[in-house]
């Protein structure tokens, strides 16, 4: 067993107010808690990992090259490997979510990324 206390989890802030925390996971899958301030959007990007994005609080809109979906509390969306997407807080309050990646990944996706 490998517990991860939320208060001791590895954290990363790709942009001001966009916080991420690495929860328990493995090479096969990883969980990342995140929060986004109102109006914040990640850049359009893709990755080898399949991703499920689950909204825990607030409202998030996920944009792909072909579609957009706005999600509220407990709604989720599956993003396939290499599907270009961005995640935006379109609400007026902070949004909190959980990303699940398979295979698992670390924060180096953002820190080693070429813009």
PDB file of N, CA and C in Angstrom:
ATOM      1  N   UNK A   1       0.848  -1.183   0.000  1.00  0.00           N
ATOM      2  CA  UNK A   1       0.000   0.000   0.000  1.00  0.00           C
ATOM      3  C   UNK A   1       0.886   1.237   0.000  1.00  0.00           C
ATOM      4  N   UNK A   2       0.477   2.241  -0.791  1.00  0.00           N
ATOM      5  CA  UNK A   2       1.229   3.492  -0.872  1.00  0.00           C
ATOM      6  C   UNK A   2       0.285   4.680  -0.709  1.00  0.00           C
ATOM      7  N   UNK A   3      -0.033   5.047   0.547  1.00  0.00           N
ATOM      8  CA  UNK A   3      -0.945   6.180   0.758  1.00  0.00           C
ATOM      9  C   UNK A   3      -0.280   7.511   0.417  1.00  0.00           C
ATOM     10  N   UNK A   4      -1.101   8.459  -0.033  1.00  0.00           N
ATOM     11  CA  UNK A   4      -0.638   9.823  -0.294  1.00  0.00           C
ATOM     12  C   UNK A   4      -1.585  10.772   0.436  1.00  0.00           C
ATOM     13  N   UNK A   5      -1.092  11.454   1.443  1.00  0.00           N
ATOM     14  CA  UNK A   5      -1.868  12.457   2.147  1.00  0.00           C
ATOM     15  C   UNK A   5      -1.990  13.698   1.263  1.00  0.00           C
ATOM     16  N   UNK A   6      -3.193  14.229   1.134  1.00  0.00           N
ATOM     17  CA  UNK A   6      -3.384  15.412   0.285  1.00  0.00           C
ATOM     18  C   UNK A   6      -2.472  16.553   0.712  1.00  0.00           C
ATOM     19  N   UNK A   7      -2.313  16.741   2.025  1.00  0.00           N
ATOM     20  CA  UNK A   7      -1.471  17.834   2.537  1.00  0.00           C
ATOM     21  C   UNK A   7       0.008  17.639   2.223  1.00  0.00           C
ATOM     22  N   UNK A   8       0.415  16.417   1.905  1.00  0.00           N
ATOM     23  CA  UNK A   8       1.812  16.137   1.609  1.00  0.00           C
ATOM     24  C   UNK A   8       2.040  15.759   0.148  1.00  0.00           C
ATOM     25  N   UNK A   9       1.002  15.849  -0.678  1.00  0.00           N
ATOM     26  CA  UNK A   9       1.112  15.483  -2.087  1.00  0.00           C
ATOM     27  C   UNK A   9       2.027  16.454  -2.829  1.00  0.00           C
ATOM     28  N   UNK A  10       2.688  15.953  -3.861  1.00  0.00           N
ATOM     29  CA  UNK A  10       3.487  16.821  -4.732  1.00  0.00           C
ATOM     30  C   UNK A  10       2.538  17.783  -5.430  1.00  0.00           C
ATOM     31  N   UNK A  11       2.896  19.061  -5.462  1.00  0.00           N
ATOM     32  CA  UNK A  11       2.035  20.070  -6.082  1.00  0.00           C
ATOM     33  C   UNK A  11       2.783  20.801  -7.188  1.00  0.00           C
ATOM     34  N   UNK A  12       2.017  21.421  -8.040  1.00  0.00           N
ATOM     35  CA  UNK A  12       2.572  22.177  -9.152  1.00  0.00           C
ATOM     36  C   UNK A  12       1.560  23.240  -9.533  1.00  0.00           C
ATOM     37  N   UNK A  13       2.044  24.429  -9.896  1.00  0.00           N
ATOM     38  CA  UNK A  13       1.169  25.524 -10.318  1.00  0.00           C
ATOM     39  C   UNK A  13       1.626  25.996 -11.703  1.00  0.00           C
ATOM     40  N   UNK A  14       1.037  25.405 -12.783  1.00  0.00           N
ATOM     41  CA  UNK A  14       1.453  25.791 -14.138  1.00  0.00           C
ATOM     42  C   UNK A  14       1.225  27.268 -14.442  1.00  0.00           C
ATOM     43  N   UNK A  15       0.144  27.841 -13.926  1.00  0.00           N
ATOM     44  CA  UNK A  15      -0.168  29.260 -14.059  1.00  0.00           C
ATOM     45  C   UNK A  15      -0.663  29.747 -12.700  1.00  0.00           C
ATOM     46  N   UNK A  16      -0.636  31.050 -12.490  1.00  0.00           N
ATOM     47  CA  UNK A  16      -1.120  31.599 -11.227  1.00  0.00           C
ATOM     48  C   UNK A  16      -2.577  31.210 -11.000  1.00  0.00           C
ATOM     49  N   UNK A  17      -2.844  30.586  -9.855  1.00  0.00           N
ATOM     50  CA  UNK A  17      -4.193  30.185  -9.492  1.00  0.00           C
ATOM     51  C   UNK A  17      -4.623  28.833 -10.030  1.00  0.00           C
ATOM     52  N   UNK A  18      -3.819  28.252 -10.923  1.00  0.00           N
ATOM     53  CA  UNK A  18      -4.117  26.916 -11.461  1.00  0.00           C
ATOM     54  C   UNK A  18      -3.218  25.938 -10.723  1.00  0.00           C
ATOM     55  N   UNK A  19      -3.749  25.334  -9.666  1.00  0.00           N
ATOM     56  CA  UNK A  19      -2.970  24.448  -8.813  1.00  0.00           C
ATOM     57  C   UNK A  19      -3.280  23.000  -9.147  1.00  0.00           C
ATOM     58  N   UNK A  20      -2.267  22.154  -9.060  1.00  0.00           N
ATOM     59  CA  UNK A  20      -2.428  20.723  -9.294  1.00  0.00           C
ATOM     60  C   UNK A  20      -1.734  19.968  -8.174  1.00  0.00           C
ATOM     61  N   UNK A  21      -2.279  18.819  -7.779  1.00  0.00           N
ATOM     62  CA  UNK A  21      -1.674  17.967  -6.759  1.00  0.00           C
ATOM     63  C   UNK A  21      -1.714  16.525  -7.258  1.00  0.00           C
ATOM     64  N   UNK A  22      -0.573  15.840  -7.185  1.00  0.00           N
ATOM     65  CA  UNK A  22      -0.461  14.453  -7.611  1.00  0.00           C
ATOM     66  C   UNK A  22      -0.917  13.544  -6.473  1.00  0.00           C
ATOM     67  N   UNK A  23      -1.962  12.776  -6.722  1.00  0.00           N
ATOM     68  CA  UNK A  23      -2.481  11.846  -5.731  1.00  0.00           C
ATOM     69  C   UNK A  23      -1.901  10.452  -5.994  1.00  0.00           C
ATOM     70  N   UNK A  24      -2.343   9.457  -5.266  1.00  0.00           N
ATOM     71  CA  UNK A  24      -1.832   8.102  -5.439  1.00  0.00           C
ATOM     72  C   UNK A  24      -2.014   7.655  -6.883  1.00  0.00           C
ATOM     73  N   UNK A  25      -1.042   6.937  -7.401  1.00  0.00           N
ATOM     74  CA  UNK A  25      -1.107   6.447  -8.766  1.00  0.00           C
ATOM     75  C   UNK A  25       0.056   5.516  -9.044  1.00  0.00           C
ATOM     76  N   UNK A  26       0.220   5.166 -10.309  1.00  0.00           N
ATOM     77  CA  UNK A  26       1.273   4.247 -10.723  1.00  0.00           C
ATOM     78  C   UNK A  26       1.662   4.563 -12.157  1.00  0.00           C
ATOM     79  N   UNK A  27       2.514   3.718 -12.730  1.00  0.00           N
ATOM     80  CA  UNK A  27       2.855   3.891 -14.137  1.00  0.00           C
ATOM     81  C   UNK A  27       1.643   3.622 -15.029  1.00  0.00           C
ATOM     82  N   UNK A  28       0.691   2.828 -14.548  1.00  0.00           N
ATOM     83  CA  UNK A  28      -0.491   2.474 -15.338  1.00  0.00           C
ATOM     84  C   UNK A  28      -1.540   3.584 -15.341  1.00  0.00           C
ATOM     85  N   UNK A  29      -1.646   4.329 -14.239  1.00  0.00           N
ATOM     86  CA  UNK A  29      -2.636   5.405 -14.126  1.00  0.00           C
ATOM     87  C   UNK A  29      -2.178   6.402 -13.076  1.00  0.00           C
ATOM     88  N   UNK A  30      -2.669   7.635 -13.201  1.00  0.00           N
ATOM     89  CA  UNK A  30      -2.363   8.642 -12.186  1.00  0.00           C
ATOM     90  C   UNK A  30      -3.583   9.535 -11.984  1.00  0.00           C
ATOM     91  N   UNK A  31      -3.687  10.079 -10.784  1.00  0.00           N
ATOM     92  CA  UNK A  31      -4.761  10.989 -10.403  1.00  0.00           C
ATOM     93  C   UNK A  31      -4.149  12.343 -10.093  1.00  0.00           C
ATOM     94  N   UNK A  32      -4.731  13.408 -10.656  1.00  0.00           N
ATOM     95  CA  UNK A  32      -4.299  14.767 -10.324  1.00  0.00           C
ATOM     96  C   UNK A  32      -5.513  15.601  -9.944  1.00  0.00           C
ATOM     97  N   UNK A  33      -5.522  16.083  -8.706  1.00  0.00           N
ATOM     98  CA  UNK A  33      -6.518  17.049  -8.245  1.00  0.00           C
ATOM     99  C   UNK A  33      -6.095  18.391  -8.811  1.00  0.00           C
ATOM    100  N   UNK A  34      -7.068  19.222  -9.181  1.00  0.00           N
ATOM    101  CA  UNK A  34      -6.705  20.558  -9.652  1.00  0.00           C
ATOM    102  C   UNK A  34      -7.793  21.563  -9.293  1.00  0.00           C
ATOM    103  N   UNK A  35      -7.393  22.830  -9.274  1.00  0.00           N
ATOM    104  CA  UNK A  35      -8.347  23.932  -9.160  1.00  0.00           C
ATOM    105  C   UNK A  35      -7.949  25.006 -10.154  1.00  0.00           C
ATOM    106  N   UNK A  36      -8.968  25.689 -10.682  1.00  0.00           N
ATOM    107  CA  UNK A  36      -8.770  26.760 -11.655  1.00  0.00           C
ATOM    108  C   UNK A  36      -9.594  27.965 -11.229  1.00  0.00           C
ATOM    109  N   UNK A  37      -9.019  29.159 -11.316  1.00  0.00           N
ATOM    110  CA  UNK A  37      -9.790  30.358 -11.021  1.00  0.00           C
ATOM    111  C   UNK A  37     -10.759  30.653 -12.172  1.00  0.00           C
ATOM    112  N   UNK A  38     -11.783  31.464 -11.919  1.00  0.00           N
ATOM    113  CA  UNK A  38     -12.715  31.834 -12.990  1.00  0.00           C
ATOM    114  C   UNK A  38     -11.974  32.419 -14.190  1.00  0.00           C
ATOM    115  N   UNK A  39     -12.360  31.980 -15.392  1.00  0.00           N
ATOM    116  CA  UNK A  39     -11.782  32.504 -16.612  1.00  0.00           C
ATOM    117  C   UNK A  39     -10.502  31.831 -17.067  1.00  0.00           C
ATOM    118  N   UNK A  40      -9.912  31.006 -16.224  1.00  0.00           N
ATOM    119  CA  UNK A  40      -8.641  30.370 -16.598  1.00  0.00           C
ATOM    120  C   UNK A  40      -8.873  29.226 -17.573  1.00  0.00           C
ATOM    121  N   UNK A  41      -7.979  29.102 -18.536  1.00  0.00           N
ATOM    122  CA  UNK A  41      -7.998  27.999 -19.489  1.00  0.00           C
ATOM    123  C   UNK A  41      -6.591  27.453 -19.652  1.00  0.00           C
ATOM    124  N   UNK A  42      -6.476  26.139 -19.697  1.00  0.00           N
ATOM    125  CA  UNK A  42      -5.195  25.549 -20.082  1.00  0.00           C
ATOM    126  C   UNK A  42      -4.990  25.822 -21.569  1.00  0.00           C
ATOM    127  N   UNK A  43      -3.764  25.762 -22.048  1.00  0.00           N
ATOM    128  CA  UNK A  43      -3.550  25.906 -23.491  1.00  0.00           C
ATOM    129  C   UNK A  43      -4.067  24.665 -24.226  1.00  0.00           C
ATOM    130  N   UNK A  44      -4.374  24.792 -25.498  1.00  0.00           N
ATOM    131  CA  UNK A  44      -4.732  23.622 -26.302  1.00  0.00           C
ATOM    132  C   UNK A  44      -3.511  22.703 -26.322  1.00  0.00           C
ATOM    133  N   UNK A  45      -3.711  21.431 -26.037  1.00  0.00           N
ATOM    134  CA  UNK A  45      -2.604  20.485 -25.975  1.00  0.00           C
ATOM    135  C   UNK A  45      -3.128  19.068 -26.206  1.00  0.00           C
ATOM    136  N   UNK A  46      -2.214  18.141 -26.383  1.00  0.00           N
ATOM    137  CA  UNK A  46      -2.566  16.726 -26.456  1.00  0.00           C
ATOM    138  C   UNK A  46      -1.465  15.926 -25.777  1.00  0.00           C
ATOM    139  N   UNK A  47      -1.734  14.656 -25.554  1.00  0.00           N
ATOM    140  CA  UNK A  47      -0.752  13.776 -24.914  1.00  0.00           C
ATOM    141  C   UNK A  47      -1.124  12.330 -25.181  1.00  0.00           C
ATOM    142  N   UNK A  48      -0.147  11.462 -24.941  1.00  0.00           N
ATOM    143  CA  UNK A  48      -0.362  10.042 -25.196  1.00  0.00           C
ATOM    144  C   UNK A  48      -1.385   9.420 -24.251  1.00  0.00           C
ATOM    145  N   UNK A  49      -1.612  10.037 -23.114  1.00  0.00           N
ATOM    146  CA  UNK A  49      -2.478   9.463 -22.087  1.00  0.00           C
ATOM    147  C   UNK A  49      -3.948   9.652 -22.415  1.00  0.00           C
ATOM    148  N   UNK A  50      -4.751   8.617 -22.174  1.00  0.00           N
ATOM    149  CA  UNK A  50      -6.191   8.823 -22.116  1.00  0.00           C
ATOM    150  C   UNK A  50      -6.443   9.627 -20.846  1.00  0.00           C
ATOM    151  N   UNK A  51      -7.473  10.455 -20.834  1.00  0.00           N
ATOM    152  CA  UNK A  51      -7.748  11.318 -19.682  1.00  0.00           C
ATOM    153  C   UNK A  51      -9.241  11.337 -19.397  1.00  0.00           C
ATOM    154  N   UNK A  52      -9.586  11.168 -18.133  1.00  0.00           N
ATOM    155  CA  UNK A  52     -10.944  11.424 -17.676  1.00  0.00           C
ATOM    156  C   UNK A  52     -10.864  12.660 -16.793  1.00  0.00           C
ATOM    157  N   UNK A  53     -11.700  13.647 -17.077  1.00  0.00           N
ATOM    158  CA  UNK A  53     -11.778  14.870 -16.279  1.00  0.00           C
ATOM    159  C   UNK A  53     -13.113  14.858 -15.560  1.00  0.00           C
ATOM    160  N   UNK A  54     -13.085  14.912 -14.247  1.00  0.00           N
ATOM    161  CA  UNK A  54     -14.267  14.887 -13.394  1.00  0.00           C
ATOM    162  C   UNK A  54     -14.369  16.204 -12.646  1.00  0.00           C
ATOM    163  N   UNK A  55     -15.518  16.864 -12.722  1.00  0.00           N
ATOM    164  CA  UNK A  55     -15.732  18.129 -12.021  1.00  0.00           C
ATOM    165  C   UNK A  55     -16.217  17.822 -10.600  1.00  0.00           C
ATOM    166  N   UNK A  56     -15.520  18.373  -9.606  1.00  0.00           N
ATOM    167  CA  UNK A  56     -15.915  18.203  -8.207  1.00  0.00           C
ATOM    168  C   UNK A  56     -16.666  19.420  -7.679  1.00  0.00           C
ATOM    169  N   UNK A  57     -16.295  20.595  -8.143  1.00  0.00           N
ATOM    170  CA  UNK A  57     -16.953  21.843  -7.748  1.00  0.00           C
ATOM    171  C   UNK A  57     -16.912  22.804  -8.928  1.00  0.00           C
ATOM    172  N   UNK A  58     -17.946  23.609  -9.060  1.00  0.00           N
ATOM    173  CA  UNK A  58     -17.937  24.653 -10.074  1.00  0.00           C
ATOM    174  C   UNK A  58     -18.346  24.159 -11.445  1.00  0.00           C
ATOM    175  N   UNK A  59     -17.770  24.804 -12.464  1.00  0.00           N
ATOM    176  CA  UNK A  59     -18.137  24.543 -13.850  1.00  0.00           C
ATOM    177  C   UNK A  59     -16.882  24.568 -14.708  1.00  0.00           C
ATOM    178  N   UNK A  60     -16.741  23.592 -15.573  1.00  0.00           N
ATOM    179  CA  UNK A  60     -15.627  23.530 -16.503  1.00  0.00           C
ATOM    180  C   UNK A  60     -16.146  23.271 -17.902  1.00  0.00           C
ATOM    181  N   UNK A  61     -15.529  23.902 -18.880  1.00  0.00           N
ATOM    182  CA  UNK A  61     -15.841  23.619 -20.272  1.00  0.00           C
ATOM    183  C   UNK A  61     -14.601  23.004 -20.900  1.00  0.00           C
ATOM    184  N   UNK A  62     -14.783  21.846 -21.517  1.00  0.00           N
ATOM    185  CA  UNK A  62     -13.701  21.168 -22.217  1.00  0.00           C
ATOM    186  C   UNK A  62     -13.911  21.401 -23.707  1.00  0.00           C
ATOM    187  N   UNK A  63     -12.888  21.948 -24.336  1.00  0.00           N
ATOM    188  CA  UNK A  63     -12.925  22.251 -25.766  1.00  0.00           C
ATOM    189  C   UNK A  63     -11.994  21.290 -26.492  1.00  0.00           C
ATOM    190  N   UNK A  64     -12.466  20.688 -27.571  1.00  0.00           N
ATOM    191  CA  UNK A  64     -11.615  19.927 -28.475  1.00  0.00           C
ATOM    192  C   UNK A  64     -11.613  20.661 -29.810  1.00  0.00           C
ATOM    193  N   UNK A  65     -10.934  20.124 -30.786  1.00  0.00           N
ATOM    194  CA  UNK A  65     -10.916  20.772 -32.095  1.00  0.00           C
ATOM    195  C   UNK A  65     -12.294  20.744 -32.748  1.00  0.00           C
ATOM    196  N   UNK A  66     -13.133  19.773 -32.358  1.00  0.00           N
ATOM    197  CA  UNK A  66     -14.433  19.585 -33.005  1.00  0.00           C
ATOM    198  C   UNK A  66     -15.646  19.939 -32.155  1.00  0.00           C
ATOM    199  N   UNK A  67     -15.474  20.094 -30.831  1.00  0.00           N
ATOM    200  CA  UNK A  67     -16.643  20.198 -29.960  1.00  0.00           C
ATOM    201  C   UNK A  67     -16.271  20.885 -28.648  1.00  0.00           C
ATOM    202  N   UNK A  68     -17.288  21.252 -27.896  1.00  0.00           N
ATOM    203  CA  UNK A  68     -17.121  21.773 -26.530  1.00  0.00           C
ATOM    204  C   UNK A  68     -18.242  21.205 -25.681  1.00  0.00           C
ATOM    205  N   UNK A  69     -17.942  20.952 -24.419  1.00  0.00           N
ATOM    206  CA  UNK A  69     -18.966  20.496 -23.487  1.00  0.00           C
ATOM    207  C   UNK A  69     -18.747  21.220 -22.160  1.00  0.00           C
ATOM    208  N   UNK A  70     -19.824  21.759 -21.597  1.00  0.00           N
ATOM    209  CA  UNK A  70     -19.754  22.408 -20.288  1.00  0.00           C
ATOM    210  C   UNK A  70     -20.298  21.432 -19.256  1.00  0.00           C
ATOM    211  N   UNK A  71     -19.517  21.272 -18.188  1.00  0.00           N
ATOM    212  CA  UNK A  71     -19.846  20.278 -17.164  1.00  0.00           C
ATOM    213  C   UNK A  71     -20.009  20.950 -15.810  1.00  0.00           C
ATOM    214  N   UNK A  72     -20.948  20.434 -15.033  1.00  0.00           N
ATOM    215  CA  UNK A  72     -21.146  20.866 -13.662  1.00  0.00           C
ATOM    216  C   UNK A  72     -20.685  19.782 -12.708  1.00  0.00           C
ATOM    217  N   UNK A  73     -20.992  19.992 -11.453  1.00  0.00           N
ATOM    218  CA  UNK A  73     -20.564  19.096 -10.389  1.00  0.00           C
ATOM    219  C   UNK A  73     -20.864  17.637 -10.708  1.00  0.00           C
ATOM    220  N   UNK A  74     -19.827  16.787 -10.611  1.00  0.00           N
ATOM    221  CA  UNK A  74     -19.854  15.326 -10.799  1.00  0.00           C
ATOM    222  C   UNK A  74     -20.009  14.888 -12.248  1.00  0.00           C
ATOM    223  N   UNK A  75     -20.018  15.830 -13.202  1.00  0.00           N
ATOM    224  CA  UNK A  75     -19.995  15.452 -14.615  1.00  0.00           C
ATOM    225  C   UNK A  75     -18.559  15.098 -14.996  1.00  0.00           C
ATOM    226  N   UNK A  76     -18.413  14.277 -16.027  1.00  0.00           N
ATOM    227  CA  UNK A  76     -17.083  13.874 -16.469  1.00  0.00           C
ATOM    228  C   UNK A  76     -17.043  13.725 -17.983  1.00  0.00           C
ATOM    229  N   UNK A  77     -15.825  13.691 -18.511  1.00  0.00           N
ATOM    230  CA  UNK A  77     -15.619  13.526 -19.944  1.00  0.00           C
ATOM    231  C   UNK A  77     -14.367  12.680 -20.148  1.00  0.00           C
ATOM    232  N   UNK A  78     -14.400  11.850 -21.196  1.00  0.00           N
ATOM    233  CA  UNK A  78     -13.236  11.053 -21.592  1.00  0.00           C
ATOM    234  C   UNK A  78     -12.577  11.723 -22.782  1.00  0.00           C
ATOM    235  N   UNK A  79     -11.269  11.910 -22.690  1.00  0.00           N
ATOM    236  CA  UNK A  79     -10.466  12.415 -23.803  1.00  0.00           C
ATOM    237  C   UNK A  79      -9.534  11.289 -24.234  1.00  0.00           C
ATOM    238  N   UNK A  80      -9.576  10.972 -25.516  1.00  0.00           N
ATOM    239  CA  UNK A  80      -8.754   9.881 -26.058  1.00  0.00           C
ATOM    240  C   UNK A  80      -7.291  10.303 -26.160  1.00  0.00           C
ATOM    241  N   UNK A  81      -6.408   9.336 -26.299  1.00  0.00           N
ATOM    242  CA  UNK A  81      -4.988   9.623 -26.539  1.00  0.00           C
ATOM    243  C   UNK A  81      -4.853  10.526 -27.753  1.00  0.00           C
ATOM    244  N   UNK A  82      -4.002  11.535 -27.654  1.00  0.00           N
ATOM    245  CA  UNK A  82      -3.660  12.478 -28.719  1.00  0.00           C
ATOM    246  C   UNK A  82      -4.826  13.353 -29.171  1.00  0.00           C
ATOM    247  N   UNK A  83      -5.938  13.384 -28.407  1.00  0.00           N
ATOM    248  CA  UNK A  83      -7.058  14.274 -28.739  1.00  0.00           C
ATOM    249  C   UNK A  83      -6.736  15.681 -28.217  1.00  0.00           C
ATOM    250  N   UNK A  84      -6.570  16.642 -29.104  1.00  0.00           N
ATOM    251  CA  UNK A  84      -6.254  18.011 -28.688  1.00  0.00           C
ATOM    252  C   UNK A  84      -7.413  18.584 -27.890  1.00  0.00           C
ATOM    253  N   UNK A  85      -7.075  19.265 -26.770  1.00  0.00           N
ATOM    254  CA  UNK A  85      -8.117  19.795 -25.893  1.00  0.00           C
ATOM    255  C   UNK A  85      -7.559  20.893 -25.001  1.00  0.00           C
ATOM    256  N   UNK A  86      -8.475  21.656 -24.435  1.00  0.00           N
ATOM    257  CA  UNK A  86      -8.140  22.612 -23.371  1.00  0.00           C
ATOM    258  C   UNK A  86      -9.308  22.613 -22.395  1.00  0.00           C
ATOM    259  N   UNK A  87      -9.024  22.937 -21.142  1.00  0.00           N
ATOM    260  CA  UNK A  87     -10.031  22.932 -20.083  1.00  0.00           C
ATOM    261  C   UNK A  87     -10.121  24.335 -19.509  1.00  0.00           C
ATOM    262  N   UNK A  88     -11.336  24.886 -19.518  1.00  0.00           N
ATOM    263  CA  UNK A  88     -11.559  26.276 -19.127  1.00  0.00           C
ATOM    264  C   UNK A  88     -12.588  26.359 -17.998  1.00  0.00           C
ATOM    265  N   UNK A  89     -12.309  27.212 -17.020  1.00  0.00           N
ATOM    266  CA  UNK A  89     -13.303  27.512 -15.989  1.00  0.00           C
ATOM    267  C   UNK A  89     -14.194  28.621 -16.536  1.00  0.00           C
ATOM    268  N   UNK A  90     -15.394  28.265 -16.953  1.00  0.00           N
ATOM    269  CA  UNK A  90     -16.329  29.225 -17.542  1.00  0.00           C
ATOM    270  C   UNK A  90     -17.319  29.760 -16.515  1.00  0.00           C
ATOM    271  N   UNK A  91     -17.161  29.341 -15.268  1.00  0.00           N
ATOM    272  CA  UNK A  91     -18.061  29.817 -14.218  1.00  0.00           C
ATOM    273  C   UNK A  91     -17.541  31.063 -13.538  1.00  0.00           C
ATOM    274  N   UNK A  92     -18.257  31.498 -12.513  1.00  0.00           N
ATOM    275  CA  UNK A  92     -17.883  32.694 -11.763  1.00  0.00           C
ATOM    276  C   UNK A  92     -17.175  32.379 -10.450  1.00  0.00           C
ATOM    277  N   UNK A  93     -17.079  31.098 -10.108  1.00  0.00           N
ATOM    278  CA  UNK A  93     -16.403  30.647  -8.890  1.00  0.00           C
ATOM    279  C   UNK A  93     -15.222  29.764  -9.285  1.00  0.00           C
ATOM    280  N   UNK A  94     -14.342  29.477  -8.332  1.00  0.00           N
ATOM    281  CA  UNK A  94     -13.247  28.551  -8.629  1.00  0.00           C
ATOM    282  C   UNK A  94     -13.849  27.205  -9.005  1.00  0.00           C
ATOM    283  N   UNK A  95     -13.156  26.476  -9.831  1.00  0.00           N
ATOM    284  CA  UNK A  95     -13.561  25.133 -10.220  1.00  0.00           C
ATOM    285  C   UNK A  95     -12.526  24.149  -9.672  1.00  0.00           C
ATOM    286  N   UNK A  96     -13.010  23.013  -9.215  1.00  0.00           N
ATOM    287  CA  UNK A  96     -12.140  21.961  -8.694  1.00  0.00           C
ATOM    288  C   UNK A  96     -12.461  20.687  -9.458  1.00  0.00           C
ATOM    289  N   UNK A  97     -11.434  19.969  -9.839  1.00  0.00           N
ATOM    290  CA  UNK A  97     -11.651  18.740 -10.583  1.00  0.00           C
ATOM    291  C   UNK A  97     -10.613  17.689 -10.276  1.00  0.00           C
ATOM    292  N   UNK A  98     -10.802  16.541 -10.892  1.00  0.00           N
ATOM    293  CA  UNK A  98      -9.885  15.424 -10.767  1.00  0.00           C
ATOM    294  C   UNK A  98      -9.621  14.893 -12.169  1.00  0.00           C
ATOM    295  N   UNK A  99      -8.346  14.820 -12.537  1.00  0.00           N
ATOM    296  CA  UNK A  99      -7.946  14.221 -13.798  1.00  0.00           C
ATOM    297  C   UNK A  99      -7.370  12.844 -13.520  1.00  0.00           C
ATOM    298  N   UNK A 100      -7.764  11.880 -14.329  1.00  0.00           N
ATOM    299  CA  UNK A 100      -7.198  10.539 -14.265  1.00  0.00           C
ATOM    300  C   UNK A 100      -6.527  10.285 -15.612  1.00  0.00           C
ATOM    301  N   UNK A 101      -5.269   9.860 -15.581  1.00  0.00           N
ATOM    302  CA  UNK A 101      -4.500   9.619 -16.793  1.00  0.00           C
ATOM    303  C   UNK A 101      -4.081   8.151 -16.873  1.00  0.00           C
ATOM    304  N   UNK A 102      -4.205   7.565 -18.064  1.00  0.00           N
ATOM    305  CA  UNK A 102      -3.727   6.208 -18.291  1.00  0.00           C
ATOM    306  C   UNK A 102      -3.016   6.173 -19.643  1.00  0.00           C
ATOM    307  N   UNK A 103      -1.739   5.770 -19.705  1.00  0.00           N
ATOM    308  CA  UNK A 103      -0.911   5.442 -18.551  1.00  0.00           C
ATOM    309  C   UNK A 103      -0.662   6.669 -17.686  1.00  0.00           C
ATOM    310  N   UNK A 104      -0.126   6.431 -16.507  1.00  0.00           N
ATOM    311  CA  UNK A 104       0.131   7.516 -15.567  1.00  0.00           C
ATOM    312  C   UNK A 104       1.188   8.477 -16.089  1.00  0.00           C
ATOM    313  N   UNK A 105       1.182   9.675 -15.538  1.00  0.00           N
ATOM    314  CA  UNK A 105       2.180  10.674 -15.909  1.00  0.00           C
ATOM    315  C   UNK A 105       2.510  11.532 -14.707  1.00  0.00           C
ATOM    316  N   UNK A 106       3.569  12.304 -14.825  1.00  0.00           N
ATOM    317  CA  UNK A 106       3.974  13.225 -13.774  1.00  0.00           C
ATOM    318  C   UNK A 106       3.853  14.657 -14.253  1.00  0.00           C
ATOM    319  N   UNK A 107       4.259  15.588 -13.416  1.00  0.00           N
ATOM    320  CA  UNK A 107       4.184  17.004 -13.755  1.00  0.00           C
ATOM    321  C   UNK A 107       5.176  17.385 -14.851  1.00  0.00           C
ATOM    322  N   UNK A 108       6.109  16.476 -15.180  1.00  0.00           N
ATOM    323  CA  UNK A 108       7.068  16.797 -16.223  1.00  0.00           C
ATOM    324  C   UNK A 108       6.384  17.034 -17.570  1.00  0.00           C
ATOM    325  N   UNK A 109       5.131  16.574 -17.715  1.00  0.00           N
ATOM    326  CA  UNK A 109       4.394  16.898 -18.935  1.00  0.00           C
ATOM    327  C   UNK A 109       4.340  18.408 -19.128  1.00  0.00           C
ATOM    328  N   UNK A 110       4.110  19.151 -18.033  1.00  0.00           N
ATOM    329  CA  UNK A 110       4.033  20.612 -18.121  1.00  0.00           C
ATOM    330  C   UNK A 110       5.412  21.254 -17.994  1.00  0.00           C
ATOM    331  N   UNK A 111       6.254  20.751 -17.090  1.00  0.00           N
ATOM    332  CA  UNK A 111       7.529  21.424 -16.835  1.00  0.00           C
ATOM    333  C   UNK A 111       8.522  21.245 -17.980  1.00  0.00           C
ATOM    334  N   UNK A 112       8.461  20.126 -18.705  1.00  0.00           N
ATOM    335  CA  UNK A 112       9.388  19.860 -19.802  1.00  0.00           C
ATOM    336  C   UNK A 112       8.808  20.203 -21.164  1.00  0.00           C
ATOM    337  N   UNK A 113       7.650  20.798 -21.176  1.00  0.00           N
ATOM    338  CA  UNK A 113       6.899  21.055 -22.398  1.00  0.00           C
ATOM    339  C   UNK A 113       7.477  22.235 -23.172  1.00  0.00           C
ATOM    340  N   UNK A 114       7.564  22.071 -24.480  1.00  0.00           N
ATOM    341  CA  UNK A 114       7.993  23.180 -25.333  1.00  0.00           C
ATOM    342  C   UNK A 114       6.754  23.899 -25.818  1.00  0.00           C
ATOM    343  N   UNK A 115       6.704  25.207 -25.640  1.00  0.00           N
ATOM    344  CA  UNK A 115       5.531  26.001 -26.030  1.00  0.00           C
ATOM    345  C   UNK A 115       5.482  26.200 -27.517  1.00  0.00           C
TER     346      UNK A 115
END
